[in-house]
Amino acid sequence: MKLKLLEELKNASAEAPLNFTFAGVLFKFTAKIKIVDDKTLDELTNKQNSNDKDIVRELLVGWDDYVDEGKQVPFATDTLEEMLAFPGLTARLSVECINAQYRVQEKN
């Protein structure tokens, strides 16, 4: 039997509030991270020549509340690529994209 709830996960994303400093610069926003199945995650993380940039490009699908110089920054590929030019930022985003795959929220 196919579980219908699992079908909903195929288009799901998780929100991850990020608040970190890199080289004295504060980055605070809510990342929207695509949820993938085990096979896809394995392909992303275990393939030969796999790197953090590929993981972020595949899994980071948006953000909210990203402010730069007092203005909201909409999610855009070119803006993401600017961030991925810095290995420290790339690694932090990659870790968050992977960790989001394992985060389960409890309901009260």
PDB file of N, CA and C in Angstrom:
ATOM      1  N   MET A   1       0.835  -1.182   0.000  1.00  0.00           N
ATOM      2  CA  MET A   1       0.000   0.000   0.000  1.00  0.00           C
ATOM      3  C   MET A   1       0.884   1.251   0.000  1.00  0.00           C
ATOM      4  N   LYS A   2       0.586   2.187  -0.852  1.00  0.00           N
ATOM      5  CA  LYS A   2       1.312   3.450  -0.894  1.00  0.00           C
ATOM      6  C   LYS A   2       0.709   4.404   0.126  1.00  0.00           C
ATOM      7  N   LEU A   3       1.546   4.943   0.986  1.00  0.00           N
ATOM      8  CA  LEU A   3       1.077   5.896   1.979  1.00  0.00           C
ATOM      9  C   LEU A   3       0.931   7.274   1.347  1.00  0.00           C
ATOM     10  N   LYS A   4      -0.249   7.837   1.427  1.00  0.00           N
ATOM     11  CA  LYS A   4      -0.515   9.136   0.819  1.00  0.00           C
ATOM     12  C   LYS A   4       0.250  10.251   1.509  1.00  0.00           C
ATOM     13  N   LEU A   5       0.466  10.116   2.809  1.00  0.00           N
ATOM     14  CA  LEU A   5       1.231  11.133   3.521  1.00  0.00           C
ATOM     15  C   LEU A   5       2.653  11.252   2.974  1.00  0.00           C
ATOM     16  N   LEU A   6       3.225  10.130   2.597  1.00  0.00           N
ATOM     17  CA  LEU A   6       4.583  10.153   2.055  1.00  0.00           C
ATOM     18  C   LEU A   6       4.629  10.803   0.683  1.00  0.00           C
ATOM     19  N   GLU A   7       3.547  10.696  -0.056  1.00  0.00           N
ATOM     20  CA  GLU A   7       3.465  11.362  -1.361  1.00  0.00           C
ATOM     21  C   GLU A   7       3.579  12.879  -1.201  1.00  0.00           C
ATOM     22  N   GLU A   8       3.015  13.401  -0.107  1.00  0.00           N
ATOM     23  CA  GLU A   8       3.075  14.837   0.143  1.00  0.00           C
ATOM     24  C   GLU A   8       4.511  15.321   0.350  1.00  0.00           C
ATOM     25  N   LEU A   9       5.371  14.443   0.823  1.00  0.00           N
ATOM     26  CA  LEU A   9       6.762  14.829   1.064  1.00  0.00           C
ATOM     27  C   LEU A   9       7.531  15.111  -0.222  1.00  0.00           C
ATOM     28  N   LYS A  10       7.039  14.608  -1.343  1.00  0.00           N
ATOM     29  CA  LYS A  10       7.744  14.815  -2.615  1.00  0.00           C
ATOM     30  C   LYS A  10       7.813  16.277  -3.006  1.00  0.00           C
ATOM     31  N   ASN A  11       6.907  17.096  -2.493  1.00  0.00           N
ATOM     32  CA  ASN A  11       6.910  18.523  -2.793  1.00  0.00           C
ATOM     33  C   ASN A  11       7.092  19.369  -1.538  1.00  0.00           C
ATOM     34  N   ALA A  12       7.611  18.747  -0.479  1.00  0.00           N
ATOM     35  CA  ALA A  12       7.714  19.431   0.805  1.00  0.00           C
ATOM     36  C   ALA A  12       9.059  20.145   0.959  1.00  0.00           C
ATOM     37  N   SER A  13       9.024  21.182   1.766  1.00  0.00           N
ATOM     38  CA  SER A  13      10.265  21.847   2.165  1.00  0.00           C
ATOM     39  C   SER A  13      10.193  22.105   3.662  1.00  0.00           C
ATOM     40  N   ALA A  14      11.348  22.208   4.266  1.00  0.00           N
ATOM     41  CA  ALA A  14      11.444  22.495   5.692  1.00  0.00           C
ATOM     42  C   ALA A  14      11.993  23.904   5.858  1.00  0.00           C
ATOM     43  N   GLU A  15      11.585  24.559   6.921  1.00  0.00           N
ATOM     44  CA  GLU A  15      12.118  25.877   7.229  1.00  0.00           C
ATOM     45  C   GLU A  15      13.150  25.734   8.326  1.00  0.00           C
ATOM     46  N   ALA A  16      14.290  26.367   8.115  1.00  0.00           N
ATOM     47  CA  ALA A  16      15.377  26.301   9.079  1.00  0.00           C
ATOM     48  C   ALA A  16      15.835  27.716   9.417  1.00  0.00           C
ATOM     49  N   PRO A  17      15.540  28.177  10.630  1.00  0.00           N
ATOM     50  CA  PRO A  17      16.010  29.505  11.019  1.00  0.00           C
ATOM     51  C   PRO A  17      17.531  29.486  11.192  1.00  0.00           C
ATOM     52  N   LEU A  18      18.208  30.350  10.464  1.00  0.00           N
ATOM     53  CA  LEU A  18      19.664  30.435  10.552  1.00  0.00           C
ATOM     54  C   LEU A  18      20.046  31.756  11.206  1.00  0.00           C
ATOM     55  N   ASN A  19      21.028  31.698  12.067  1.00  0.00           N
ATOM     56  CA  ASN A  19      21.506  32.877  12.762  1.00  0.00           C
ATOM     57  C   ASN A  19      22.961  32.601  13.126  1.00  0.00           C
ATOM     58  N   PHE A  20      23.882  33.013  12.271  1.00  0.00           N
ATOM     59  CA  PHE A  20      25.291  32.729  12.496  1.00  0.00           C
ATOM     60  C   PHE A  20      26.149  33.896  12.019  1.00  0.00           C
ATOM     61  N   THR A  21      27.362  33.930  12.510  1.00  0.00           N
ATOM     62  CA  THR A  21      28.317  34.948  12.110  1.00  0.00           C
ATOM     63  C   THR A  21      29.443  34.269  11.347  1.00  0.00           C
ATOM     64  N   PHE A  22      29.787  34.834  10.228  1.00  0.00           N
ATOM     65  CA  PHE A  22      30.913  34.350   9.425  1.00  0.00           C
ATOM     66  C   PHE A  22      31.836  35.532   9.194  1.00  0.00           C
ATOM     67  N   ALA A  23      33.061  35.417   9.685  1.00  0.00           N
ATOM     68  CA  ALA A  23      34.070  36.474   9.547  1.00  0.00           C
ATOM     69  C   ALA A  23      33.548  37.818  10.058  1.00  0.00           C
ATOM     70  N   GLY A  24      32.790  37.766  11.154  1.00  0.00           N
ATOM     71  CA  GLY A  24      32.285  38.983  11.770  1.00  0.00           C
ATOM     72  C   GLY A  24      31.027  39.548  11.140  1.00  0.00           C
ATOM     73  N   VAL A  25      30.481  38.868  10.125  1.00  0.00           N
ATOM     74  CA  VAL A  25      29.269  39.333   9.452  1.00  0.00           C
ATOM     75  C   VAL A  25      28.112  38.431   9.872  1.00  0.00           C
ATOM     76  N   LEU A  26      27.020  39.062  10.333  1.00  0.00           N
ATOM     77  CA  LEU A  26      25.854  38.316  10.786  1.00  0.00           C
ATOM     78  C   LEU A  26      24.979  37.912   9.615  1.00  0.00           C
ATOM     79  N   PHE A  27      24.613  36.644   9.579  1.00  0.00           N
ATOM     80  CA  PHE A  27      23.667  36.113   8.602  1.00  0.00           C
ATOM     81  C   PHE A  27      22.482  35.568   9.393  1.00  0.00           C
ATOM     82  N   LYS A  28      21.320  36.166   9.161  1.00  0.00           N
ATOM     83  CA  LYS A  28      20.128  35.758   9.895  1.00  0.00           C
ATOM     84  C   LYS A  28      18.961  35.750   8.917  1.00  0.00           C
ATOM     85  N   PHE A  29      18.430  34.546   8.671  1.00  0.00           N
ATOM     86  CA  PHE A  29      17.297  34.386   7.769  1.00  0.00           C
ATOM     87  C   PHE A  29      16.712  32.994   7.953  1.00  0.00           C
ATOM     88  N   THR A  30      15.582  32.751   7.345  1.00  0.00           N
ATOM     89  CA  THR A  30      14.959  31.434   7.402  1.00  0.00           C
ATOM     90  C   THR A  30      15.140  30.755   6.054  1.00  0.00           C
ATOM     91  N   ALA A  31      15.905  29.673   6.052  1.00  0.00           N
ATOM     92  CA  ALA A  31      16.160  28.924   4.827  1.00  0.00           C
ATOM     93  C   ALA A  31      14.995  27.986   4.548  1.00  0.00           C
ATOM     94  N   LYS A  32      14.642  27.857   3.278  1.00  0.00           N
ATOM     95  CA  LYS A  32      13.628  26.897   2.837  1.00  0.00           C
ATOM     96  C   LYS A  32      14.375  25.773   2.123  1.00  0.00           C
ATOM     97  N   ILE A  33      14.277  24.585   2.689  1.00  0.00           N
ATOM     98  CA  ILE A  33      15.087  23.468   2.229  1.00  0.00           C
ATOM     99  C   ILE A  33      14.195  22.343   1.727  1.00  0.00           C
ATOM    100  N   LYS A  34      14.469  21.934   0.507  1.00  0.00           N
ATOM    101  CA  LYS A  34      13.721  20.850  -0.136  1.00  0.00           C
ATOM    102  C   LYS A  34      13.973  19.541   0.608  1.00  0.00           C
ATOM    103  N   ILE A  35      12.895  18.808   0.861  1.00  0.00           N
ATOM    104  CA  ILE A  35      13.004  17.495   1.490  1.00  0.00           C
ATOM    105  C   ILE A  35      13.097  16.439   0.383  1.00  0.00           C
ATOM    106  N   VAL A  36      14.071  15.546   0.521  1.00  0.00           N
ATOM    107  CA  VAL A  36      14.277  14.510  -0.490  1.00  0.00           C
ATOM    108  C   VAL A  36      14.285  13.136   0.167  1.00  0.00           C
ATOM    109  N   ASP A  37      14.113  12.117  -0.647  1.00  0.00           N
ATOM    110  CA  ASP A  37      14.148  10.755  -0.116  1.00  0.00           C
ATOM    111  C   ASP A  37      15.594  10.307   0.094  1.00  0.00           C
ATOM    112  N   ASP A  38      15.719   9.166   0.734  1.00  0.00           N
ATOM    113  CA  ASP A  38      17.031   8.624   1.098  1.00  0.00           C
ATOM    114  C   ASP A  38      17.931   8.420  -0.121  1.00  0.00           C
ATOM    115  N   LYS A  39      17.358   7.904  -1.189  1.00  0.00           N
ATOM    116  CA  LYS A  39      18.135   7.645  -2.401  1.00  0.00           C
ATOM    117  C   LYS A  39      18.712   8.943  -2.971  1.00  0.00           C
ATOM    118  N   THR A  40      17.896   9.966  -3.047  1.00  0.00           N
ATOM    119  CA  THR A  40      18.355  11.251  -3.581  1.00  0.00           C
ATOM    120  C   THR A  40      19.422  11.857  -2.684  1.00  0.00           C
ATOM    121  N   LEU A  41      19.221  11.787  -1.367  1.00  0.00           N
ATOM    122  CA  LEU A  41      20.214  12.322  -0.436  1.00  0.00           C
ATOM    123  C   LEU A  41      21.538  11.582  -0.575  1.00  0.00           C
ATOM    124  N   ASP A  42      21.463  10.254  -0.702  1.00  0.00           N
ATOM    125  CA  ASP A  42      22.690   9.466  -0.908  1.00  0.00           C
ATOM    126  C   ASP A  42      23.390   9.869  -2.203  1.00  0.00           C
ATOM    127  N   GLU A  43      22.630  10.069  -3.262  1.00  0.00           N
ATOM    128  CA  GLU A  43      23.217  10.479  -4.532  1.00  0.00           C
ATOM    129  C   GLU A  43      23.911  11.833  -4.412  1.00  0.00           C
ATOM    130  N   LEU A  44      23.301  12.736  -3.686  1.00  0.00           N
ATOM    131  CA  LEU A  44      23.883  14.073  -3.511  1.00  0.00           C
ATOM    132  C   LEU A  44      25.150  14.056  -2.672  1.00  0.00           C
ATOM    133  N   THR A  45      25.149  13.236  -1.634  1.00  0.00           N
ATOM    134  CA  THR A  45      26.256  13.282  -0.680  1.00  0.00           C
ATOM    135  C   THR A  45      27.348  12.252  -0.930  1.00  0.00           C
ATOM    136  N   ASN A  46      27.052  11.191  -1.657  1.00  0.00           N
ATOM    137  CA  ASN A  46      28.032  10.121  -1.830  1.00  0.00           C
ATOM    138  C   ASN A  46      28.600  10.001  -3.232  1.00  0.00           C
ATOM    139  N   LYS A  47      28.089  10.786  -4.156  1.00  0.00           N
ATOM    140  CA  LYS A  47      28.596  10.656  -5.520  1.00  0.00           C
ATOM    141  C   LYS A  47      30.028  11.171  -5.612  1.00  0.00           C
ATOM    142  N   GLN A  48      30.747  10.626  -6.558  1.00  0.00           N
ATOM    143  CA  GLN A  48      32.120  11.054  -6.774  1.00  0.00           C
ATOM    144  C   GLN A  48      32.101  12.530  -7.182  1.00  0.00           C
ATOM    145  N   ASN A  49      33.020  13.291  -6.652  1.00  0.00           N
ATOM    146  CA  ASN A  49      33.127  14.733  -6.897  1.00  0.00           C
ATOM    147  C   ASN A  49      31.964  15.517  -6.301  1.00  0.00           C
ATOM    148  N   SER A  50      31.234  14.918  -5.357  1.00  0.00           N
ATOM    149  CA  SER A  50      30.162  15.643  -4.672  1.00  0.00           C
ATOM    150  C   SER A  50      30.784  16.794  -3.891  1.00  0.00           C
ATOM    151  N   ASN A  51      30.095  17.934  -3.886  1.00  0.00           N
ATOM    152  CA  ASN A  51      30.617  19.042  -3.105  1.00  0.00           C
ATOM    153  C   ASN A  51      29.472  19.839  -2.486  1.00  0.00           C
ATOM    154  N   ASP A  52      29.834  20.693  -1.543  1.00  0.00           N
ATOM    155  CA  ASP A  52      28.835  21.462  -0.814  1.00  0.00           C
ATOM    156  C   ASP A  52      28.010  22.360  -1.730  1.00  0.00           C
ATOM    157  N   LYS A  53      28.626  22.920  -2.744  1.00  0.00           N
ATOM    158  CA  LYS A  53      27.886  23.809  -3.655  1.00  0.00           C
ATOM    159  C   LYS A  53      26.753  23.060  -4.345  1.00  0.00           C
ATOM    160  N   ASP A  54      27.025  21.851  -4.810  1.00  0.00           N
ATOM    161  CA  ASP A  54      25.984  21.054  -5.471  1.00  0.00           C
ATOM    162  C   ASP A  54      24.829  20.748  -4.525  1.00  0.00           C
ATOM    163  N   ILE A  55      25.169  20.432  -3.280  1.00  0.00           N
ATOM    164  CA  ILE A  55      24.145  20.117  -2.282  1.00  0.00           C
ATOM    165  C   ILE A  55      23.256  21.337  -2.042  1.00  0.00           C
ATOM    166  N   VAL A  56      23.874  22.498  -1.862  1.00  0.00           N
ATOM    167  CA  VAL A  56      23.104  23.720  -1.608  1.00  0.00           C
ATOM    168  C   VAL A  56      22.263  24.091  -2.826  1.00  0.00           C
ATOM    169  N   ARG A  57      22.853  24.021  -4.004  1.00  0.00           N
ATOM    170  CA  ARG A  57      22.097  24.356  -5.225  1.00  0.00           C
ATOM    171  C   ARG A  57      20.861  23.474  -5.392  1.00  0.00           C
ATOM    172  N   GLU A  58      20.980  22.229  -5.001  1.00  0.00           N
ATOM    173  CA  GLU A  58      19.867  21.284  -5.162  1.00  0.00           C
ATOM    174  C   GLU A  58      18.807  21.424  -4.067  1.00  0.00           C
ATOM    175  N   LEU A  59      19.243  21.682  -2.842  1.00  0.00           N
ATOM    176  CA  LEU A  59      18.319  21.609  -1.714  1.00  0.00           C
ATOM    177  C   LEU A  59      17.818  22.948  -1.185  1.00  0.00           C
ATOM    178  N   LEU A  60      18.588  24.012  -1.310  1.00  0.00           N
ATOM    179  CA  LEU A  60      18.125  25.316  -0.833  1.00  0.00           C
ATOM    180  C   LEU A  60      17.227  25.921  -1.902  1.00  0.00           C
ATOM    181  N   VAL A  61      15.945  26.006  -1.605  1.00  0.00           N
ATOM    182  CA  VAL A  61      14.974  26.435  -2.614  1.00  0.00           C
ATOM    183  C   VAL A  61      14.383  27.814  -2.338  1.00  0.00           C
ATOM    184  N   GLY A  62      14.820  28.431  -1.274  1.00  0.00           N
ATOM    185  CA  GLY A  62      14.325  29.769  -0.980  1.00  0.00           C
ATOM    186  C   GLY A  62      14.752  30.227   0.396  1.00  0.00           C
ATOM    187  N   TRP A  63      14.372  31.469   0.727  1.00  0.00           N
ATOM    188  CA  TRP A  63      14.579  31.993   2.070  1.00  0.00           C
ATOM    189  C   TRP A  63      13.586  33.101   2.335  1.00  0.00           C
ATOM    190  N   ASP A  64      13.378  33.363   3.620  1.00  0.00           N
ATOM    191  CA  ASP A  64      12.540  34.461   4.087  1.00  0.00           C
ATOM    192  C   ASP A  64      13.360  35.300   5.054  1.00  0.00           C
ATOM    193  N   ASP A  65      12.963  36.544   5.184  1.00  0.00           N
ATOM    194  CA  ASP A  65      13.544  37.455   6.175  1.00  0.00           C
ATOM    195  C   ASP A  65      15.047  37.648   6.014  1.00  0.00           C
ATOM    196  N   TYR A  66      15.531  37.578   4.794  1.00  0.00           N
ATOM    197  CA  TYR A  66      16.936  37.864   4.517  1.00  0.00           C
ATOM    198  C   TYR A  66      17.016  39.368   4.241  1.00  0.00           C
ATOM    199  N   VAL A  67      17.716  40.087   5.115  1.00  0.00           N
ATOM    200  CA  VAL A  67      17.794  41.535   5.018  1.00  0.00           C
ATOM    201  C   VAL A  67      19.241  41.945   4.787  1.00  0.00           C
ATOM    202  N   ASP A  68      19.441  42.819   3.811  1.00  0.00           N
ATOM    203  CA  ASP A  68      20.764  43.360   3.519  1.00  0.00           C
ATOM    204  C   ASP A  68      20.612  44.869   3.351  1.00  0.00           C
ATOM    205  N   GLU A  69      21.345  45.618   4.155  1.00  0.00           N
ATOM    206  CA  GLU A  69      21.267  47.085   4.150  1.00  0.00           C
ATOM    207  C   GLU A  69      19.835  47.567   4.324  1.00  0.00           C
ATOM    208  N   GLY A  70      19.094  46.901   5.212  1.00  0.00           N
ATOM    209  CA  GLY A  70      17.741  47.317   5.533  1.00  0.00           C
ATOM    210  C   GLY A  70      16.673  46.912   4.526  1.00  0.00           C
ATOM    211  N   LYS A  71      17.051  46.175   3.496  1.00  0.00           N
ATOM    212  CA  LYS A  71      16.083  45.771   2.467  1.00  0.00           C
ATOM    213  C   LYS A  71      15.975  44.249   2.410  1.00  0.00           C
ATOM    214  N   GLN A  72      14.743  43.780   2.172  1.00  0.00           N
ATOM    215  CA  GLN A  72      14.524  42.352   1.989  1.00  0.00           C
ATOM    216  C   GLN A  72      15.223  41.892   0.711  1.00  0.00           C
ATOM    217  N   VAL A  73      15.884  40.763   0.796  1.00  0.00           N
ATOM    218  CA  VAL A  73      16.558  40.188  -0.366  1.00  0.00           C
ATOM    219  C   VAL A  73      15.752  38.990  -0.844  1.00  0.00           C
ATOM    220  N   PRO A  74      15.149  39.085  -2.024  1.00  0.00           N
ATOM    221  CA  PRO A  74      14.402  37.929  -2.530  1.00  0.00           C
ATOM    222  C   PRO A  74      15.367  36.811  -2.927  1.00  0.00           C
ATOM    223  N   PHE A  75      14.887  35.585  -2.810  1.00  0.00           N
ATOM    224  CA  PHE A  75      15.717  34.456  -3.224  1.00  0.00           C
ATOM    225  C   PHE A  75      15.899  34.495  -4.737  1.00  0.00           C
ATOM    226  N   ALA A  76      17.134  34.392  -5.176  1.00  0.00           N
ATOM    227  CA  ALA A  76      17.450  34.363  -6.599  1.00  0.00           C
ATOM    228  C   ALA A  76      18.732  33.573  -6.790  1.00  0.00           C
ATOM    229  N   THR A  77      18.828  32.889  -7.901  1.00  0.00           N
ATOM    230  CA  THR A  77      20.000  32.063  -8.192  1.00  0.00           C
ATOM    231  C   THR A  77      21.281  32.871  -8.179  1.00  0.00           C
ATOM    232  N   ASP A  78      21.265  34.065  -8.752  1.00  0.00           N
ATOM    233  CA  ASP A  78      22.491  34.854  -8.793  1.00  0.00           C
ATOM    234  C   ASP A  78      22.923  35.298  -7.397  1.00  0.00           C
ATOM    235  N   THR A  79      21.965  35.589  -6.522  1.00  0.00           N
ATOM    236  CA  THR A  79      22.301  35.950  -5.142  1.00  0.00           C
ATOM    237  C   THR A  79      22.889  34.746  -4.413  1.00  0.00           C
ATOM    238  N   LEU A  80      22.289  33.594  -4.620  1.00  0.00           N
ATOM    239  CA  LEU A  80      22.819  32.374  -4.018  1.00  0.00           C
ATOM    240  C   LEU A  80      24.242  32.119  -4.507  1.00  0.00           C
ATOM    241  N   GLU A  81      24.494  32.298  -5.780  1.00  0.00           N
ATOM    242  CA  GLU A  81      25.839  32.069  -6.323  1.00  0.00           C
ATOM    243  C   GLU A  81      26.858  33.022  -5.708  1.00  0.00           C
ATOM    244  N   GLU A  82      26.439  34.268  -5.412  1.00  0.00           N
ATOM    245  CA  GLU A  82      27.333  35.207  -4.721  1.00  0.00           C
ATOM    246  C   GLU A  82      27.743  34.635  -3.373  1.00  0.00           C
ATOM    247  N   MET A  83      26.788  34.060  -2.657  1.00  0.00           N
ATOM    248  CA  MET A  83      27.079  33.477  -1.346  1.00  0.00           C
ATOM    249  C   MET A  83      27.982  32.251  -1.474  1.00  0.00           C
ATOM    250  N   LEU A  84      27.738  31.448  -2.510  1.00  0.00           N
ATOM    251  CA  LEU A  84      28.505  30.211  -2.673  1.00  0.00           C
ATOM    252  C   LEU A  84      29.956  30.449  -3.067  1.00  0.00           C
ATOM    253  N   ALA A  85      30.312  31.693  -3.336  1.00  0.00           N
ATOM    254  CA  ALA A  85      31.707  32.028  -3.645  1.00  0.00           C
ATOM    255  C   ALA A  85      32.577  31.968  -2.383  1.00  0.00           C
ATOM    256  N   PHE A  86      31.941  31.921  -1.207  1.00  0.00           N
ATOM    257  CA  PHE A  86      32.674  31.871   0.057  1.00  0.00           C
ATOM    258  C   PHE A  86      32.533  30.482   0.664  1.00  0.00           C
ATOM    259  N   PRO A  87      33.638  29.726   0.729  1.00  0.00           N
ATOM    260  CA  PRO A  87      33.564  28.342   1.213  1.00  0.00           C
ATOM    261  C   PRO A  87      32.938  28.189   2.601  1.00  0.00           C
ATOM    262  N   GLY A  88      33.193  29.131   3.495  1.00  0.00           N
ATOM    263  CA  GLY A  88      32.618  29.038   4.838  1.00  0.00           C
ATOM    264  C   GLY A  88      31.105  29.113   4.822  1.00  0.00           C
ATOM    265  N   LEU A  89      30.558  30.011   4.017  1.00  0.00           N
ATOM    266  CA  LEU A  89      29.100  30.119   3.887  1.00  0.00           C
ATOM    267  C   LEU A  89      28.527  28.880   3.220  1.00  0.00           C
ATOM    268  N   THR A  90      29.212  28.426   2.186  1.00  0.00           N
ATOM    269  CA  THR A  90      28.757  27.241   1.454  1.00  0.00           C
ATOM    270  C   THR A  90      28.683  26.032   2.380  1.00  0.00           C
ATOM    271  N   ALA A  91      29.728  25.831   3.170  1.00  0.00           N
ATOM    272  CA  ALA A  91      29.755  24.686   4.085  1.00  0.00           C
ATOM    273  C   ALA A  91      28.642  24.778   5.120  1.00  0.00           C
ATOM    274  N   ARG A  92      28.413  25.971   5.661  1.00  0.00           N
ATOM    275  CA  ARG A  92      27.359  26.155   6.672  1.00  0.00           C
ATOM    276  C   ARG A  92      25.976  25.867   6.071  1.00  0.00           C
ATOM    277  N   LEU A  93      25.735  26.354   4.872  1.00  0.00           N
ATOM    278  CA  LEU A  93      24.451  26.116   4.210  1.00  0.00           C
ATOM    279  C   LEU A  93      24.270  24.643   3.864  1.00  0.00           C
ATOM    280  N   SER A  94      25.334  24.002   3.426  1.00  0.00           N
ATOM    281  CA  SER A  94      25.276  22.585   3.077  1.00  0.00           C
ATOM    282  C   SER A  94      24.918  21.743   4.292  1.00  0.00           C
ATOM    283  N   VAL A  95      25.564  22.010   5.419  1.00  0.00           N
ATOM    284  CA  VAL A  95      25.275  21.276   6.653  1.00  0.00           C
ATOM    285  C   VAL A  95      23.810  21.463   7.041  1.00  0.00           C
ATOM    286  N   GLU A  96      23.316  22.690   6.914  1.00  0.00           N
ATOM    287  CA  GLU A  96      21.925  22.945   7.269  1.00  0.00           C
ATOM    288  C   GLU A  96      20.965  22.220   6.331  1.00  0.00           C
ATOM    289  N   CYS A  97      21.298  22.181   5.054  1.00  0.00           N
ATOM    290  CA  CYS A  97      20.451  21.473   4.074  1.00  0.00           C
ATOM    291  C   CYS A  97      20.368  19.987   4.391  1.00  0.00           C
ATOM    292  N   ILE A  98      21.475  19.414   4.794  1.00  0.00           N
ATOM    293  CA  ILE A  98      21.492  17.989   5.137  1.00  0.00           C
ATOM    294  C   ILE A  98      20.793  17.747   6.475  1.00  0.00           C
ATOM    295  N   ASN A  99      21.083  18.577   7.469  1.00  0.00           N
ATOM    296  CA  ASN A  99      20.456  18.405   8.781  1.00  0.00           C
ATOM    297  C   ASN A  99      18.939  18.521   8.709  1.00  0.00           C
ATOM    298  N   ALA A 100      18.438  19.373   7.841  1.00  0.00           N
ATOM    299  CA  ALA A 100      16.988  19.546   7.707  1.00  0.00           C
ATOM    300  C   ALA A 100      16.299  18.251   7.285  1.00  0.00           C
ATOM    301  N   GLN A 101      17.026  17.373   6.616  1.00  0.00           N
ATOM    302  CA  GLN A 101      16.448  16.114   6.167  1.00  0.00           C
ATOM    303  C   GLN A 101      16.105  15.195   7.344  1.00  0.00           C
ATOM    304  N   TYR A 102      16.730  15.448   8.501  1.00  0.00           N
ATOM    305  CA  TYR A 102      16.566  14.567   9.651  1.00  0.00           C
ATOM    306  C   TYR A 102      15.766  15.195  10.790  1.00  0.00           C
ATOM    307  N   ARG A 103      15.429  16.473  10.664  1.00  0.00           N
ATOM    308  CA  ARG A 103      14.697  17.164  11.713  1.00  0.00           C
ATOM    309  C   ARG A 103      13.226  16.781  11.699  1.00  0.00           C
ATOM    310  N   VAL A 104      12.745  16.330  12.817  1.00  0.00           N
ATOM    311  CA  VAL A 104      11.339  15.967  12.957  1.00  0.00           C
ATOM    312  C   VAL A 104      10.762  16.826  14.061  1.00  0.00           C
ATOM    313  N   GLN A 105       9.635  17.488  13.764  1.00  0.00           N
ATOM    314  CA  GLN A 105       8.998  18.359  14.751  1.00  0.00           C
ATOM    315  C   GLN A 105       7.942  17.600  15.533  1.00  0.00           C
ATOM    316  N   GLU A 106       7.988  17.758  16.834  1.00  0.00           N
ATOM    317  CA  GLU A 106       6.969  17.169  17.685  1.00  0.00           C
ATOM    318  C   GLU A 106       5.738  18.059  17.698  1.00  0.00           C
ATOM    319  N   LYS A 107       4.584  17.454  17.714  1.00  0.00           N
ATOM    320  CA  LYS A 107       3.332  18.195  17.865  1.00  0.00           C
ATOM    321  C   LYS A 107       2.845  18.038  19.291  1.00  0.00           C
ATOM    322  N   ASN A 108       2.347  19.121  19.876  1.00  0.00           N
ATOM    323  CA  ASN A 108       1.827  19.061  21.242  1.00  0.00           C
ATOM    324  C   ASN A 108       0.383  18.622  21.259  1.00  0.00           C
TER     325      ASN A 108
END
